[in-house]
C-alpha cells in the first residue's frame, strides 16, 4: 500500500518463495508474508499493522 501511495519513492515487489528458492535462501525466508526492507536493512515477518511496518521502514532508513 505504501508503494501504491508513493510510487516515485517506494518500490515493492511480490515474490513467490517456492518458485524463487535462491532468493528465499538468500534472505532466510521462513514464513509469509516476510517483508525485506532495503536489501535486509529491515525486516517484518508476518502480517502487522501499517504503523508497525512504517516504524520498521523508518528504523531501516536510519541505519
PDB file of N, CA and C in Angstrom:
ATOM      1  N   UNK A   1       0.816  -1.180   0.000  1.00  0.00           N
ATOM      2  CA  UNK A   1       0.000   0.000   0.000  1.00  0.00           C
ATOM      3  C   UNK A   1       0.872   1.261   0.000  1.00  0.00           C
ATOM      4  N   UNK A   2       1.977   1.229   0.753  1.00  0.00           N
ATOM      5  CA  UNK A   2       2.871   2.388   0.770  1.00  0.00           C
ATOM      6  C   UNK A   2       3.400   2.682  -0.632  1.00  0.00           C
ATOM      7  N   UNK A   3       3.764   1.639  -1.365  1.00  0.00           N
ATOM      8  CA  UNK A   3       4.301   1.819  -2.712  1.00  0.00           C
ATOM      9  C   UNK A   3       3.246   2.363  -3.658  1.00  0.00           C
ATOM     10  N   UNK A   4       2.005   1.968  -3.487  1.00  0.00           N
ATOM     11  CA  UNK A   4       0.935   2.490  -4.350  1.00  0.00           C
ATOM     12  C   UNK A   4       0.684   3.967  -4.047  1.00  0.00           C
ATOM     13  N   UNK A   5       0.844   4.364  -2.803  1.00  0.00           N
ATOM     14  CA  UNK A   5       0.630   5.759  -2.420  1.00  0.00           C
ATOM     15  C   UNK A   5       1.768   6.664  -2.880  1.00  0.00           C
ATOM     16  N   UNK A   6       2.969   6.118  -2.971  1.00  0.00           N
ATOM     17  CA  UNK A   6       4.127   6.924  -3.327  1.00  0.00           C
ATOM     18  C   UNK A   6       5.079   6.134  -4.234  1.00  0.00           C
ATOM     19  N   UNK A   7       4.649   5.861  -5.466  1.00  0.00           N
ATOM     20  CA  UNK A   7       5.445   5.006  -6.354  1.00  0.00           C
ATOM     21  C   UNK A   7       6.778   5.607  -6.782  1.00  0.00           C
ATOM     22  N   UNK A   8       6.953   6.911  -6.655  1.00  0.00           N
ATOM     23  CA  UNK A   8       8.218   7.526  -7.043  1.00  0.00           C
ATOM     24  C   UNK A   8       9.316   7.276  -6.008  1.00  0.00           C
ATOM     25  N   UNK A   9       8.933   6.971  -4.778  1.00  0.00           N
ATOM     26  CA  UNK A   9       9.933   6.791  -3.718  1.00  0.00           C
ATOM     27  C   UNK A   9      10.010   5.363  -3.195  1.00  0.00           C
ATOM     28  N   UNK A  10       8.968   4.562  -3.455  1.00  0.00           N
ATOM     29  CA  UNK A  10       8.926   3.219  -2.885  1.00  0.00           C
ATOM     30  C   UNK A  10       8.689   2.202  -3.988  1.00  0.00           C
ATOM     31  N   UNK A  11       9.551   1.202  -4.040  1.00  0.00           N
ATOM     32  CA  UNK A  11       9.394   0.093  -4.975  1.00  0.00           C
ATOM     33  C   UNK A  11       9.069  -1.150  -4.167  1.00  0.00           C
ATOM     34  N   UNK A  12       7.993  -1.791  -4.493  1.00  0.00           N
ATOM     35  CA  UNK A  12       7.604  -3.027  -3.806  1.00  0.00           C
ATOM     36  C   UNK A  12       7.430  -4.128  -4.845  1.00  0.00           C
ATOM     37  N   UNK A  13       7.926  -5.300  -4.517  1.00  0.00           N
ATOM     38  CA  UNK A  13       7.780  -6.446  -5.395  1.00  0.00           C
ATOM     39  C   UNK A  13       7.304  -7.635  -4.579  1.00  0.00           C
ATOM     40  N   UNK A  14       6.436  -8.422  -5.154  1.00  0.00           N
ATOM     41  CA  UNK A  14       5.998  -9.667  -4.533  1.00  0.00           C
ATOM     42  C   UNK A  14       6.708 -10.824  -5.205  1.00  0.00           C
ATOM     43  N   UNK A  15       7.229 -11.735  -4.410  1.00  0.00           N
ATOM     44  CA  UNK A  15       7.969 -12.870  -4.949  1.00  0.00           C
ATOM     45  C   UNK A  15       7.408 -14.146  -4.329  1.00  0.00           C
ATOM     46  N   UNK A  16       7.132 -15.126  -5.154  1.00  0.00           N
ATOM     47  CA  UNK A  16       6.659 -16.430  -4.688  1.00  0.00           C
ATOM     48  C   UNK A  16       7.860 -17.214  -4.165  1.00  0.00           C
ATOM     49  N   UNK A  17       7.915 -17.399  -2.852  1.00  0.00           N
ATOM     50  CA  UNK A  17       9.079 -18.017  -2.209  1.00  0.00           C
ATOM     51  C   UNK A  17       9.388 -19.409  -2.748  1.00  0.00           C
ATOM     52  N   UNK A  18       8.362 -20.189  -3.035  1.00  0.00           N
ATOM     53  CA  UNK A  18       8.592 -21.558  -3.524  1.00  0.00           C
ATOM     54  C   UNK A  18       9.168 -21.571  -4.935  1.00  0.00           C
ATOM     55  N   UNK A  19       8.853 -20.571  -5.726  1.00  0.00           N
ATOM     56  CA  UNK A  19       9.340 -20.529  -7.104  1.00  0.00           C
ATOM     57  C   UNK A  19      10.726 -19.912  -7.226  1.00  0.00           C
ATOM     58  N   UNK A  20      11.120 -19.126  -6.241  1.00  0.00           N
ATOM     59  CA  UNK A  20      12.416 -18.451  -6.280  1.00  0.00           C
ATOM     60  C   UNK A  20      13.233 -18.865  -5.060  1.00  0.00           C
ATOM     61  N   UNK A  21      13.638 -20.111  -5.053  1.00  0.00           N
ATOM     62  CA  UNK A  21      14.348 -20.691  -3.917  1.00  0.00           C
ATOM     63  C   UNK A  21      15.641 -19.944  -3.600  1.00  0.00           C
ATOM     64  N   UNK A  22      16.336 -19.475  -4.627  1.00  0.00           N
ATOM     65  CA  UNK A  22      17.595 -18.761  -4.396  1.00  0.00           C
ATOM     66  C   UNK A  22      17.368 -17.497  -3.565  1.00  0.00           C
ATOM     67  N   UNK A  23      16.337 -16.735  -3.891  1.00  0.00           N
ATOM     68  CA  UNK A  23      16.016 -15.537  -3.102  1.00  0.00           C
ATOM     69  C   UNK A  23      15.561 -15.908  -1.700  1.00  0.00           C
ATOM     70  N   UNK A  24      14.770 -16.948  -1.591  1.00  0.00           N
ATOM     71  CA  UNK A  24      14.300 -17.408  -0.281  1.00  0.00           C
ATOM     72  C   UNK A  24      15.469 -17.781   0.612  1.00  0.00           C
ATOM     73  N   UNK A  25      16.444 -18.453   0.041  1.00  0.00           N
ATOM     74  CA  UNK A  25      17.632 -18.828   0.808  1.00  0.00           C
ATOM     75  C   UNK A  25      18.468 -17.607   1.163  1.00  0.00           C
ATOM     76  N   UNK A  26      18.639 -16.703   0.208  1.00  0.00           N
ATOM     77  CA  UNK A  26      19.451 -15.502   0.432  1.00  0.00           C
ATOM     78  C   UNK A  26      18.925 -14.702   1.626  1.00  0.00           C
ATOM     79  N   UNK A  27      17.600 -14.559   1.712  1.00  0.00           N
ATOM     80  CA  UNK A  27      17.001 -13.746   2.771  1.00  0.00           C
ATOM     81  C   UNK A  27      16.454 -14.573   3.934  1.00  0.00           C
ATOM     82  N   UNK A  28      16.729 -15.874   3.923  1.00  0.00           N
ATOM     83  CA  UNK A  28      16.316 -16.762   5.021  1.00  0.00           C
ATOM     84  C   UNK A  28      14.812 -16.662   5.297  1.00  0.00           C
ATOM     85  N   UNK A  29      14.028 -16.820   4.247  1.00  0.00           N
ATOM     86  CA  UNK A  29      12.572 -16.743   4.371  1.00  0.00           C
ATOM     87  C   UNK A  29      12.073 -17.974   5.113  1.00  0.00           C
ATOM     88  N   UNK A  30      11.340 -17.722   6.192  1.00  0.00           N
ATOM     89  CA  UNK A  30      10.819 -18.833   6.988  1.00  0.00           C
ATOM     90  C   UNK A  30       9.294 -18.873   6.998  1.00  0.00           C
ATOM     91  N   UNK A  31       8.677 -17.820   6.551  1.00  0.00           N
ATOM     92  CA  UNK A  31       7.220 -17.752   6.516  1.00  0.00           C
ATOM     93  C   UNK A  31       6.788 -16.588   5.654  1.00  0.00           C
ATOM     94  N   UNK A  32       5.520 -16.521   5.405  1.00  0.00           N
ATOM     95  CA  UNK A  32       4.989 -15.429   4.598  1.00  0.00           C
ATOM     96  C   UNK A  32       3.801 -14.807   5.316  1.00  0.00           C
ATOM     97  N   UNK A  33       3.568 -13.541   5.184  1.00  0.00           N
ATOM     98  CA  UNK A  33       4.421 -12.600   4.455  1.00  0.00           C
ATOM     99  C   UNK A  33       5.715 -12.324   5.208  1.00  0.00           C
ATOM    100  N   UNK A  34       6.741 -11.991   4.462  1.00  0.00           N
ATOM    101  CA  UNK A  34       8.042 -11.636   5.015  1.00  0.00           C
ATOM    102  C   UNK A  34       8.513 -10.430   4.211  1.00  0.00           C
ATOM    103  N   UNK A  35       8.546  -9.278   4.835  1.00  0.00           N
ATOM    104  CA  UNK A  35       8.868  -8.040   4.142  1.00  0.00           C
ATOM    105  C   UNK A  35      10.323  -7.681   4.397  1.00  0.00           C
ATOM    106  N   UNK A  36      11.109  -7.637   3.326  1.00  0.00           N
ATOM    107  CA  UNK A  36      12.517  -7.277   3.396  1.00  0.00           C
ATOM    108  C   UNK A  36      12.634  -5.821   2.965  1.00  0.00           C
ATOM    109  N   UNK A  37      13.300  -5.007   3.779  1.00  0.00           N
ATOM    110  CA  UNK A  37      13.402  -3.568   3.521  1.00  0.00           C
ATOM    111  C   UNK A  37      14.850  -3.217   3.196  1.00  0.00           C
ATOM    112  N   UNK A  38      15.051  -2.549   2.068  1.00  0.00           N
ATOM    113  CA  UNK A  38      16.374  -2.080   1.640  1.00  0.00           C
ATOM    114  C   UNK A  38      17.440  -3.161   1.759  1.00  0.00           C
ATOM    115  N   UNK A  39      17.243  -4.242   1.046  1.00  0.00           N
ATOM    116  CA  UNK A  39      18.202  -5.342   0.981  1.00  0.00           C
ATOM    117  C   UNK A  39      18.601  -5.836   2.370  1.00  0.00           C
ATOM    118  N   UNK A  40      17.587  -6.026   3.210  1.00  0.00           N
ATOM    119  CA  UNK A  40      17.708  -6.603   4.558  1.00  0.00           C
ATOM    120  C   UNK A  40      18.177  -5.624   5.628  1.00  0.00           C
ATOM    121  N   UNK A  41      18.107  -4.320   5.373  1.00  0.00           N
ATOM    122  CA  UNK A  41      18.380  -3.338   6.432  1.00  0.00           C
ATOM    123  C   UNK A  41      17.275  -3.401   7.481  1.00  0.00           C
ATOM    124  N   UNK A  42      16.100  -3.839   7.054  1.00  0.00           N
ATOM    125  CA  UNK A  42      14.977  -4.021   7.959  1.00  0.00           C
ATOM    126  C   UNK A  42      14.149  -5.201   7.512  1.00  0.00           C
ATOM    127  N   UNK A  43      13.295  -5.669   8.411  1.00  0.00           N
ATOM    128  CA  UNK A  43      12.502  -6.856   8.080  1.00  0.00           C
ATOM    129  C   UNK A  43      11.278  -6.924   8.980  1.00  0.00           C
ATOM    130  N   UNK A  44      10.171  -7.360   8.392  1.00  0.00           N
ATOM    131  CA  UNK A  44       8.944  -7.610   9.140  1.00  0.00           C
ATOM    132  C   UNK A  44       8.419  -8.973   8.704  1.00  0.00           C
ATOM    133  N   UNK A  45       8.294  -9.881   9.654  1.00  0.00           N
ATOM    134  CA  UNK A  45       7.774 -11.215   9.359  1.00  0.00           C
ATOM    135  C   UNK A  45       6.351 -11.287   9.872  1.00  0.00           C
ATOM    136  N   UNK A  46       5.462 -11.710   8.996  1.00  0.00           N
ATOM    137  CA  UNK A  46       4.055 -11.834   9.362  1.00  0.00           C
ATOM    138  C   UNK A  46       3.271 -10.586   9.004  1.00  0.00           C
ATOM    139  N   UNK A  47       1.980 -10.709   9.133  1.00  0.00           N
ATOM    140  CA  UNK A  47       1.092  -9.578   8.861  1.00  0.00           C
ATOM    141  C   UNK A  47       1.076  -8.685  10.094  1.00  0.00           C
ATOM    142  N   UNK A  48       1.419  -7.422   9.899  1.00  0.00           N
ATOM    143  CA  UNK A  48       1.459  -6.472  11.011  1.00  0.00           C
ATOM    144  C   UNK A  48       0.656  -5.233  10.634  1.00  0.00           C
ATOM    145  N   UNK A  49       0.205  -4.480  11.614  1.00  0.00           N
ATOM    146  CA  UNK A  49      -0.471  -3.213  11.304  1.00  0.00           C
ATOM    147  C   UNK A  49       0.477  -2.266  10.563  1.00  0.00           C
ATOM    148  N   UNK A  50      -0.099  -1.383   9.749  1.00  0.00           N
ATOM    149  CA  UNK A  50       0.705  -0.452   8.952  1.00  0.00           C
ATOM    150  C   UNK A  50       1.659   0.364   9.807  1.00  0.00           C
ATOM    151  N   UNK A  51       1.236   0.744  10.989  1.00  0.00           N
ATOM    152  CA  UNK A  51       2.085   1.565  11.857  1.00  0.00           C
ATOM    153  C   UNK A  51       3.364   0.817  12.235  1.00  0.00           C
ATOM    154  N   UNK A  52       3.277  -0.496  12.418  1.00  0.00           N
ATOM    155  CA  UNK A  52       4.464  -1.298  12.736  1.00  0.00           C
ATOM    156  C   UNK A  52       5.399  -1.388  11.530  1.00  0.00           C
ATOM    157  N   UNK A  53       4.822  -1.562  10.355  1.00  0.00           N
ATOM    158  CA  UNK A  53       5.623  -1.617   9.132  1.00  0.00           C
ATOM    159  C   UNK A  53       6.317  -0.278   8.909  1.00  0.00           C
ATOM    160  N   UNK A  54       5.590   0.804   9.092  1.00  0.00           N
ATOM    161  CA  UNK A  54       6.172   2.138   8.929  1.00  0.00           C
ATOM    162  C   UNK A  54       7.321   2.352   9.913  1.00  0.00           C
ATOM    163  N   UNK A  55       7.158   1.924  11.140  1.00  0.00           N
ATOM    164  CA  UNK A  55       8.215   2.072  12.139  1.00  0.00           C
ATOM    165  C   UNK A  55       9.467   1.306  11.724  1.00  0.00           C
ATOM    166  N   UNK A  56       9.301   0.113  11.172  1.00  0.00           N
ATOM    167  CA  UNK A  56      10.464  -0.677  10.736  1.00  0.00           C
ATOM    168  C   UNK A  56      11.119  -0.039   9.521  1.00  0.00           C
ATOM    169  N   UNK A  57      10.339   0.526   8.623  1.00  0.00           N
ATOM    170  CA  UNK A  57      10.906   1.224   7.458  1.00  0.00           C
ATOM    171  C   UNK A  57      11.735   2.408   7.939  1.00  0.00           C
ATOM    172  N   UNK A  58      11.193   3.181   8.866  1.00  0.00           N
ATOM    173  CA  UNK A  58      11.917   4.340   9.390  1.00  0.00           C
ATOM    174  C   UNK A  58      13.194   3.909  10.105  1.00  0.00           C
ATOM    175  N   UNK A  59      13.137   2.829  10.866  1.00  0.00           N
ATOM    176  CA  UNK A  59      14.315   2.321  11.562  1.00  0.00           C
ATOM    177  C   UNK A  59      15.386   1.894  10.554  1.00  0.00           C
ATOM    178  N   UNK A  60      14.959   1.207   9.495  1.00  0.00           N
ATOM    179  CA  UNK A  60      15.892   0.732   8.479  1.00  0.00           C
ATOM    180  C   UNK A  60      16.542   1.896   7.732  1.00  0.00           C
ATOM    181  N   UNK A  61      15.818   2.967   7.530  1.00  0.00           N
ATOM    182  CA  UNK A  61      16.351   4.126   6.836  1.00  0.00           C
ATOM    183  C   UNK A  61      17.399   4.863   7.664  1.00  0.00           C
ATOM    184  N   UNK A  62      17.343   4.725   8.966  1.00  0.00           N
ATOM    185  CA  UNK A  62      18.285   5.423   9.837  1.00  0.00           C
ATOM    186  C   UNK A  62      19.546   4.630  10.106  1.00  0.00           C
ATOM    187  N   UNK A  63      19.690   3.468   9.492  1.00  0.00           N
ATOM    188  CA  UNK A  63      20.900   2.658   9.703  1.00  0.00           C
ATOM    189  C   UNK A  63      22.064   3.275   8.979  1.00  0.00           C
TER     190      UNK A  63
END
